[in-house]
Amino acid sequence: MEDDFSDPLSYEERFVVFFDVLGWKTHIKNAGDDPDKIGKLASLPRILKRMEGINYDGLDNPLKSQMTSFSDCCVLSRIYDETHLPNLMYGLCRVFIGAALQGFLLRAGVTIGKLYHDKNLVFGPALNRAHYLESKARYPRIRLDTEIELIKDLNLIPNMISSDEYGTFIDPYQFDFIKSKHCPNPIPKQEFMGIGTDTDFMLFTLLLQNLEIILTKTQNDKCSSEKIIDQANWPYLRVKEQHTKMFNT
């Protein structure tokens, strides 16, 4: 029996994230036919895939979520549960940090609303809204839909939520987040003369170094516009300012 392409479908109330990889075309161009560089490009979808598997309590349960990606865009959604919204946002911030450490800057729009999403299809008003928010975010950060009351009242680690002329956003590049329990540190604990090393500061320093590399590559690319350079400069300056204050105290 042939499939009935007009079968009725219903939207679900879902938490929706629309990602964009800034400068993706440049990454593709610079990779050329180099297998190592192409392999690095392939690391990004794997980083995004981690977000799909993060359940509300941190356990691996991808059945509650769906992810669709194409080229430099990715849509992730999951059944909405208001009690776990902060944990989902922290998971999203971890993806941003992981991407930056691999040399990629992400930008995202986040909303809650009506969406149909399975392994083959994704569409609905919430996708349109998330895409709009992402497109207006300008810088590599997470633009929030403040028309949704629960998102507007979101309570995260201090200094992570800010507003400017481009809207209300989460800044994932905050040291208070890096050192929190919400951001597992991959750097192994070490001791020097019996004194434990500050792995949180080490990770933050590594983040700064990678953001500087991204910025330098962007500035040296003849195709980079002032807007693109400004986008790469934004997270670098924010992390550098925090890092300098910490280093001088």
C-alpha atoms as a PDB file:
ATOM      1  CA  MET A   1       0.000   0.000   0.000  1.00  0.00           C
ATOM      2  CA  GLU A   2       1.373   3.407  -0.940  1.00  0.00           C
ATOM      3  CA  ASP A   3       2.046   6.014   1.712  1.00  0.00           C
ATOM      4  CA  ASP A   4      -0.640   8.608   2.179  1.00  0.00           C
ATOM      5  CA  PHE A   5       1.272  11.871   2.023  1.00  0.00           C
ATOM      6  CA  SER A   6      -1.729  13.760   3.376  1.00  0.00           C
ATOM      7  CA  ASP A   7      -1.973  11.922   6.713  1.00  0.00           C
ATOM      8  CA  PRO A   8      -3.010  14.305   9.519  1.00  0.00           C
ATOM      9  CA  LEU A   9      -0.208  15.585  11.742  1.00  0.00           C
ATOM     10  CA  SER A  10      -0.206  17.643  14.918  1.00  0.00           C
ATOM     11  CA  TYR A  11       2.248  20.128  16.331  1.00  0.00           C
ATOM     12  CA  GLU A  12       3.843  19.557  19.719  1.00  0.00           C
ATOM     13  CA  GLU A  13       4.902  22.171  22.244  1.00  0.00           C
ATOM     14  CA  ARG A  14       8.683  21.968  21.972  1.00  0.00           C
ATOM     15  CA  PHE A  15      11.849  23.691  23.083  1.00  0.00           C
ATOM     16  CA  VAL A  16      13.477  24.765  19.804  1.00  0.00           C
ATOM     17  CA  VAL A  17      17.039  25.820  18.976  1.00  0.00           C
ATOM     18  CA  PHE A  18      18.177  27.000  15.554  1.00  0.00           C
ATOM     19  CA  PHE A  19      21.990  26.966  15.151  1.00  0.00           C
ATOM     20  CA  ASP A  20      24.162  28.611  12.558  1.00  0.00           C
ATOM     21  CA  VAL A  21      27.914  28.130  12.174  1.00  0.00           C
ATOM     22  CA  LEU A  22      29.480  31.515  11.509  1.00  0.00           C
ATOM     23  CA  GLY A  23      31.961  31.524   8.648  1.00  0.00           C
ATOM     24  CA  TRP A  24      31.126  27.969   7.566  1.00  0.00           C
ATOM     25  CA  LYS A  25      31.735  28.678   3.875  1.00  0.00           C
ATOM     26  CA  THR A  26      35.198  29.963   4.738  1.00  0.00           C
ATOM     27  CA  HIS A  27      35.901  26.824   6.770  1.00  0.00           C
ATOM     28  CA  ILE A  28      34.910  24.699   3.769  1.00  0.00           C
ATOM     29  CA  LYS A  29      37.079  26.745   1.414  1.00  0.00           C
ATOM     30  CA  ASN A  30      40.106  26.648   3.691  1.00  0.00           C
ATOM     31  CA  ALA A  31      39.798  22.898   4.224  1.00  0.00           C
ATOM     32  CA  GLY A  32      40.169  22.188   0.518  1.00  0.00           C
ATOM     33  CA  ASP A  33      40.957  18.500  -0.002  1.00  0.00           C
ATOM     34  CA  ASP A  34      43.038  18.170   3.164  1.00  0.00           C
ATOM     35  CA  PRO A  35      41.775  15.030   5.008  1.00  0.00           C
ATOM     36  CA  ASP A  36      42.807  16.402   8.421  1.00  0.00           C
ATOM     37  CA  LYS A  37      40.957  19.679   7.879  1.00  0.00           C
ATOM     38  CA  ILE A  38      37.917  17.874   6.488  1.00  0.00           C
ATOM     39  CA  GLY A  39      37.983  15.636   9.554  1.00  0.00           C
ATOM     40  CA  LYS A  40      37.952  18.715  11.759  1.00  0.00           C
ATOM     41  CA  LEU A  41      34.896  19.989   9.897  1.00  0.00           C
ATOM     42  CA  ALA A  42      33.209  16.679  10.656  1.00  0.00           C
ATOM     43  CA  SER A  43      33.867  17.187  14.371  1.00  0.00           C
ATOM     44  CA  LEU A  44      31.276  19.948  14.526  1.00  0.00           C
ATOM     45  CA  PRO A  45      28.230  17.751  13.782  1.00  0.00           C
ATOM     46  CA  ARG A  46      29.482  15.382  16.480  1.00  0.00           C
ATOM     47  CA  ILE A  47      29.654  18.257  18.962  1.00  0.00           C
ATOM     48  CA  LEU A  48      26.102  19.278  18.085  1.00  0.00           C
ATOM     49  CA  LYS A  49      25.007  15.652  18.362  1.00  0.00           C
ATOM     50  CA  ARG A  50      25.986  15.705  22.026  1.00  0.00           C
ATOM     51  CA  MET A  51      23.248  18.248  22.632  1.00  0.00           C
ATOM     52  CA  GLU A  52      20.679  15.834  21.221  1.00  0.00           C
ATOM     53  CA  GLY A  53      21.595  13.176  23.763  1.00  0.00           C
ATOM     54  CA  ILE A  54      21.482  15.419  26.827  1.00  0.00           C
ATOM     55  CA  ASN A  55      18.381  14.585  28.798  1.00  0.00           C
ATOM     56  CA  TYR A  56      16.887  16.934  31.360  1.00  0.00           C
ATOM     57  CA  ASP A  57      18.729  15.212  34.203  1.00  0.00           C
ATOM     58  CA  GLY A  58      21.968  14.867  32.275  1.00  0.00           C
ATOM     59  CA  LEU A  59      21.368  11.237  31.310  1.00  0.00           C
ATOM     60  CA  ASP A  60      21.601   9.897  27.813  1.00  0.00           C
ATOM     61  CA  ASN A  61      18.082   9.636  26.434  1.00  0.00           C
ATOM     62  CA  PRO A  62      17.848  10.934  22.864  1.00  0.00           C
ATOM     63  CA  LEU A  63      14.279   9.703  22.433  1.00  0.00           C
ATOM     64  CA  LYS A  64      12.960  12.956  23.860  1.00  0.00           C
ATOM     65  CA  SER A  65      14.822  15.027  21.316  1.00  0.00           C
ATOM     66  CA  GLN A  66      15.242  15.429  17.577  1.00  0.00           C
ATOM     67  CA  MET A  67      17.999  17.033  15.557  1.00  0.00           C
ATOM     68  CA  THR A  68      18.126  17.953  11.872  1.00  0.00           C
ATOM     69  CA  SER A  69      21.238  19.440  10.281  1.00  0.00           C
ATOM     70  CA  PHE A  70      22.240  20.615   6.833  1.00  0.00           C
ATOM     71  CA  SER A  71      25.496  22.322   5.926  1.00  0.00           C
ATOM     72  CA  ASP A  72      25.954  25.203   8.395  1.00  0.00           C
ATOM     73  CA  CYS A  73      22.478  25.008   9.965  1.00  0.00           C
ATOM     74  CA  CYS A  74      21.068  22.772  12.661  1.00  0.00           C
ATOM     75  CA  VAL A  75      17.663  22.517  14.331  1.00  0.00           C
ATOM     76  CA  LEU A  76      17.353  20.823  17.696  1.00  0.00           C
ATOM     77  CA  SER A  77      14.087  20.384  19.543  1.00  0.00           C
ATOM     78  CA  ARG A  78      12.658  18.416  22.421  1.00  0.00           C
ATOM     79  CA  ILE A  79       9.380  18.045  24.246  1.00  0.00           C
ATOM     80  CA  TYR A  80       9.076  21.034  26.519  1.00  0.00           C
ATOM     81  CA  ASP A  81       9.268  20.688  30.289  1.00  0.00           C
ATOM     82  CA  GLU A  82       9.567  24.013  32.076  1.00  0.00           C
ATOM     83  CA  THR A  83      11.214  22.585  35.199  1.00  0.00           C
ATOM     84  CA  HIS A  84      14.344  21.634  33.278  1.00  0.00           C
ATOM     85  CA  LEU A  85      14.805  24.690  31.080  1.00  0.00           C
ATOM     86  CA  PRO A  86      17.975  25.901  32.898  1.00  0.00           C
ATOM     87  CA  ASN A  87      19.697  22.528  32.430  1.00  0.00           C
ATOM     88  CA  LEU A  88      18.909  22.608  28.727  1.00  0.00           C
ATOM     89  CA  MET A  89      20.412  26.070  28.444  1.00  0.00           C
ATOM     90  CA  TYR A  90      23.550  24.958  30.238  1.00  0.00           C
ATOM     91  CA  GLY A  91      23.801  22.021  27.839  1.00  0.00           C
ATOM     92  CA  LEU A  92      23.538  24.456  24.952  1.00  0.00           C
ATOM     93  CA  CYS A  93      26.323  26.577  26.448  1.00  0.00           C
ATOM     94  CA  ARG A  94      28.566  23.508  26.689  1.00  0.00           C
ATOM     95  CA  VAL A  95      28.071  22.966  22.958  1.00  0.00           C
ATOM     96  CA  PHE A  96      29.173  26.565  22.291  1.00  0.00           C
ATOM     97  CA  ILE A  97      32.326  26.085  24.380  1.00  0.00           C
ATOM     98  CA  GLY A  98      33.134  22.761  22.720  1.00  0.00           C
ATOM     99  CA  ALA A  99      32.685  24.285  19.275  1.00  0.00           C
ATOM    100  CA  ALA A 100      34.940  27.253  20.097  1.00  0.00           C
ATOM    101  CA  LEU A 101      37.662  24.909  21.332  1.00  0.00           C
ATOM    102  CA  GLN A 102      37.474  23.201  17.928  1.00  0.00           C
ATOM    103  CA  GLY A 103      37.712  26.522  16.088  1.00  0.00           C
ATOM    104  CA  PHE A 104      34.030  27.187  15.354  1.00  0.00           C
ATOM    105  CA  LEU A 105      31.758  30.023  16.444  1.00  0.00           C
ATOM    106  CA  LEU A 106      28.057  29.282  16.762  1.00  0.00           C
ATOM    107  CA  ARG A 107      25.014  31.503  16.907  1.00  0.00           C
ATOM    108  CA  ALA A 108      21.588  30.353  18.039  1.00  0.00           C
ATOM    109  CA  GLY A 109      18.006  31.411  18.535  1.00  0.00           C
ATOM    110  CA  VAL A 110      15.914  29.783  21.260  1.00  0.00           C
ATOM    111  CA  THR A 111      12.159  29.680  21.669  1.00  0.00           C
ATOM    112  CA  ILE A 112       9.295  27.487  22.839  1.00  0.00           C
ATOM    113  CA  GLY A 113       6.336  26.796  20.618  1.00  0.00           C
ATOM    114  CA  LYS A 114       4.496  24.658  18.133  1.00  0.00           C
ATOM    115  CA  LEU A 115       6.662  22.366  16.028  1.00  0.00           C
ATOM    116  CA  TYR A 116       6.513  19.082  14.168  1.00  0.00           C
ATOM    117  CA  HIS A 117       9.863  17.292  14.264  1.00  0.00           C
ATOM    118  CA  ASP A 118      10.773  13.718  13.425  1.00  0.00           C
ATOM    119  CA  LYS A 119      13.760  12.077  11.731  1.00  0.00           C
ATOM    120  CA  ASN A 120      12.540  13.193   8.301  1.00  0.00           C
ATOM    121  CA  LEU A 121      10.645  16.444   8.791  1.00  0.00           C
ATOM    122  CA  VAL A 122      10.859  19.620  10.793  1.00  0.00           C
ATOM    123  CA  PHE A 123       8.534  22.598  10.397  1.00  0.00           C
ATOM    124  CA  GLY A 124       6.229  24.884  12.300  1.00  0.00           C
ATOM    125  CA  PRO A 125       5.857  28.391  13.720  1.00  0.00           C
ATOM    126  CA  ALA A 126       8.491  27.778  16.405  1.00  0.00           C
ATOM    127  CA  LEU A 127      11.134  26.953  13.790  1.00  0.00           C
ATOM    128  CA  ASN A 128      10.384  30.181  11.944  1.00  0.00           C
ATOM    129  CA  ARG A 129      10.672  32.099  15.196  1.00  0.00           C
ATOM    130  CA  ALA A 130      13.943  30.442  16.270  1.00  0.00           C
ATOM    131  CA  HIS A 131      15.452  31.100  12.841  1.00  0.00           C
ATOM    132  CA  TYR A 132      14.409  34.751  13.041  1.00  0.00           C
ATOM    133  CA  LEU A 133      15.966  35.144  16.496  1.00  0.00           C
ATOM    134  CA  GLU A 134      19.222  33.566  15.341  1.00  0.00           C
ATOM    135  CA  SER A 135      19.407  35.840  12.315  1.00  0.00           C
ATOM    136  CA  LYS A 136      19.027  38.935  14.520  1.00  0.00           C
ATOM    137  CA  ALA A 137      21.527  37.856  17.191  1.00  0.00           C
ATOM    138  CA  ARG A 138      24.500  39.252  15.215  1.00  0.00           C
ATOM    139  CA  TYR A 139      27.212  37.881  17.510  1.00  0.00           C
ATOM    140  CA  PRO A 140      28.102  34.251  18.383  1.00  0.00           C
ATOM    141  CA  ARG A 141      25.773  33.817  21.326  1.00  0.00           C
ATOM    142  CA  ILE A 142      22.330  32.493  22.238  1.00  0.00           C
ATOM    143  CA  ARG A 143      19.462  34.880  21.484  1.00  0.00           C
ATOM    144  CA  LEU A 144      16.444  34.359  23.744  1.00  0.00           C
ATOM    145  CA  ASP A 145      12.794  34.790  22.866  1.00  0.00           C
ATOM    146  CA  THR A 146      11.670  37.206  25.575  1.00  0.00           C
ATOM    147  CA  GLU A 147       8.116  37.099  24.258  1.00  0.00           C
ATOM    148  CA  ILE A 148       7.923  33.713  26.002  1.00  0.00           C
ATOM    149  CA  GLU A 149       7.368  34.491  29.674  1.00  0.00           C
ATOM    150  CA  LEU A 150       9.214  31.413  30.958  1.00  0.00           C
ATOM    151  CA  ILE A 151      12.277  32.281  28.888  1.00  0.00           C
ATOM    152  CA  LYS A 152      12.047  35.936  29.887  1.00  0.00           C
ATOM    153  CA  ASP A 153      12.171  34.917  33.565  1.00  0.00           C
ATOM    154  CA  LEU A 154      14.974  32.387  33.071  1.00  0.00           C
ATOM    155  CA  ASN A 155      17.364  32.268  36.020  1.00  0.00           C
ATOM    156  CA  LEU A 156      20.936  31.181  35.269  1.00  0.00           C
ATOM    157  CA  ILE A 157      24.402  31.753  36.724  1.00  0.00           C
ATOM    158  CA  PRO A 158      24.972  35.513  37.278  1.00  0.00           C
ATOM    159  CA  ASN A 159      26.322  37.487  34.305  1.00  0.00           C
ATOM    160  CA  MET A 160      25.280  34.894  31.737  1.00  0.00           C
ATOM    161  CA  ILE A 161      22.142  36.745  30.608  1.00  0.00           C
ATOM    162  CA  SER A 162      22.494  40.228  29.128  1.00  0.00           C
ATOM    163  CA  SER A 163      20.718  42.562  26.720  1.00  0.00           C
ATOM    164  CA  ASP A 164      21.812  45.047  24.081  1.00  0.00           C
ATOM    165  CA  GLU A 165      20.422  46.573  20.884  1.00  0.00           C
ATOM    166  CA  TYR A 166      20.323  43.114  19.305  1.00  0.00           C
ATOM    167  CA  GLY A 167      18.169  41.571  22.025  1.00  0.00           C
ATOM    168  CA  THR A 168      18.418  39.481  25.181  1.00  0.00           C
ATOM    169  CA  PHE A 169      21.015  36.743  25.047  1.00  0.00           C
ATOM    170  CA  ILE A 170      23.011  34.146  26.959  1.00  0.00           C
ATOM    171  CA  ASP A 171      26.776  34.627  26.924  1.00  0.00           C
ATOM    172  CA  PRO A 172      28.234  31.101  27.194  1.00  0.00           C
ATOM    173  CA  TYR A 173      31.806  32.410  27.444  1.00  0.00           C
ATOM    174  CA  GLN A 174      31.589  33.389  31.111  1.00  0.00           C
ATOM    175  CA  PHE A 175      34.171  32.057  33.575  1.00  0.00           C
ATOM    176  CA  ASP A 176      31.439  31.656  36.191  1.00  0.00           C
ATOM    177  CA  PHE A 177      29.922  29.068  33.856  1.00  0.00           C
ATOM    178  CA  ILE A 178      33.264  27.417  33.009  1.00  0.00           C
ATOM    179  CA  LYS A 179      34.021  26.813  36.694  1.00  0.00           C
ATOM    180  CA  SER A 180      30.510  25.641  37.567  1.00  0.00           C
ATOM    181  CA  LYS A 181      29.236  22.086  37.929  1.00  0.00           C
ATOM    182  CA  HIS A 182      27.279  22.648  34.704  1.00  0.00           C
ATOM    183  CA  CYS A 183      30.462  22.659  32.603  1.00  0.00           C
ATOM    184  CA  PRO A 184      32.464  19.429  33.065  1.00  0.00           C
ATOM    185  CA  ASN A 185      36.178  20.098  32.689  1.00  0.00           C
ATOM    186  CA  PRO A 186      38.058  17.682  30.383  1.00  0.00           C
ATOM    187  CA  ILE A 187      41.477  18.745  31.719  1.00  0.00           C
ATOM    188  CA  PRO A 188      42.784  16.133  34.196  1.00  0.00           C
ATOM    189  CA  LYS A 189      43.588  17.246  37.727  1.00  0.00           C
ATOM    190  CA  GLN A 190      47.307  17.679  38.356  1.00  0.00           C
ATOM    191  CA  GLU A 191      49.569  18.681  41.226  1.00  0.00           C
ATOM    192  CA  PHE A 192      52.739  20.737  41.306  1.00  0.00           C
ATOM    193  CA  MET A 193      54.771  20.499  44.532  1.00  0.00           C
ATOM    194  CA  GLY A 194      51.699  19.196  46.288  1.00  0.00           C
ATOM    195  CA  ILE A 195      49.468  22.025  45.097  1.00  0.00           C
ATOM    196  CA  GLY A 196      46.562  21.265  42.789  1.00  0.00           C
ATOM    197  CA  THR A 197      46.440  23.137  39.491  1.00  0.00           C
ATOM    198  CA  ASP A 198      43.485  25.360  38.660  1.00  0.00           C
ATOM    199  CA  THR A 199      42.014  23.389  35.762  1.00  0.00           C
ATOM    200  CA  ASP A 200      39.121  25.828  35.406  1.00  0.00           C
ATOM    201  CA  PHE A 201      41.551  28.667  34.721  1.00  0.00           C
ATOM    202  CA  MET A 202      43.501  26.381  32.367  1.00  0.00           C
ATOM    203  CA  LEU A 203      40.350  25.627  30.382  1.00  0.00           C
ATOM    204  CA  PHE A 204      39.433  29.315  30.258  1.00  0.00           C
ATOM    205  CA  THR A 205      42.954  30.132  29.043  1.00  0.00           C
ATOM    206  CA  LEU A 206      42.638  27.468  26.350  1.00  0.00           C
ATOM    207  CA  LEU A 207      39.310  28.999  25.313  1.00  0.00           C
ATOM    208  CA  LEU A 208      40.935  32.439  25.062  1.00  0.00           C
ATOM    209  CA  GLN A 209      43.772  31.053  22.938  1.00  0.00           C
ATOM    210  CA  ASN A 210      41.359  29.380  20.540  1.00  0.00           C
ATOM    211  CA  LEU A 211      39.198  32.490  20.254  1.00  0.00           C
ATOM    212  CA  GLU A 212      42.333  34.498  19.445  1.00  0.00           C
ATOM    213  CA  ILE A 213      43.231  31.994  16.711  1.00  0.00           C
ATOM    214  CA  ILE A 214      39.721  32.273  15.264  1.00  0.00           C
ATOM    215  CA  LEU A 215      39.922  36.076  15.312  1.00  0.00           C
ATOM    216  CA  THR A 216      43.381  36.156  13.709  1.00  0.00           C
ATOM    217  CA  LYS A 217      42.318  33.812  10.912  1.00  0.00           C
ATOM    218  CA  THR A 218      39.236  35.935  10.315  1.00  0.00           C
ATOM    219  CA  GLN A 219      41.253  39.158  10.184  1.00  0.00           C
ATOM    220  CA  ASN A 220      43.752  37.613   7.754  1.00  0.00           C
ATOM    221  CA  ASP A 221      41.044  36.349   5.412  1.00  0.00           C
ATOM    222  CA  LYS A 222      40.731  38.826   2.541  1.00  0.00           C
ATOM    223  CA  CYS A 223      37.067  37.883   2.138  1.00  0.00           C
ATOM    224  CA  SER A 224      36.168  38.848   5.717  1.00  0.00           C
ATOM    225  CA  SER A 225      33.911  41.881   5.986  1.00  0.00           C
ATOM    226  CA  GLU A 226      33.970  44.278   8.937  1.00  0.00           C
ATOM    227  CA  LYS A 227      30.831  42.588  10.242  1.00  0.00           C
ATOM    228  CA  ILE A 228      32.424  39.133  10.187  1.00  0.00           C
ATOM    229  CA  ILE A 229      35.541  40.422  11.957  1.00  0.00           C
ATOM    230  CA  ASP A 230      33.340  42.160  14.529  1.00  0.00           C
ATOM    231  CA  GLN A 231      31.506  38.887  15.143  1.00  0.00           C
ATOM    232  CA  ALA A 232      34.759  37.022  15.784  1.00  0.00           C
ATOM    233  CA  ASN A 233      36.065  39.832  17.976  1.00  0.00           C
ATOM    234  CA  TRP A 234      33.041  39.829  20.287  1.00  0.00           C
ATOM    235  CA  PRO A 235      33.676  36.604  22.250  1.00  0.00           C
ATOM    236  CA  TYR A 236      37.439  37.140  22.214  1.00  0.00           C
ATOM    237  CA  LEU A 237      37.176  40.552  23.880  1.00  0.00           C
ATOM    238  CA  ARG A 238      34.725  39.293  26.502  1.00  0.00           C
ATOM    239  CA  VAL A 239      36.922  36.354  27.462  1.00  0.00           C
ATOM    240  CA  LYS A 240      40.119  38.421  27.338  1.00  0.00           C
ATOM    241  CA  GLU A 241      38.657  41.034  29.688  1.00  0.00           C
ATOM    242  CA  GLN A 242      37.682  38.389  32.239  1.00  0.00           C
ATOM    243  CA  HIS A 243      40.995  36.564  31.855  1.00  0.00           C
ATOM    244  CA  THR A 244      43.022  39.753  32.376  1.00  0.00           C
ATOM    245  CA  LYS A 245      41.126  40.611  35.570  1.00  0.00           C
ATOM    246  CA  MET A 246      41.666  37.098  36.930  1.00  0.00           C
ATOM    247  CA  PHE A 247      45.362  37.099  36.021  1.00  0.00           C
ATOM    248  CA  ASN A 248      45.937  40.441  37.744  1.00  0.00           C
ATOM    249  CA  THR A 249      44.222  39.505  41.006  1.00  0.00           C
END
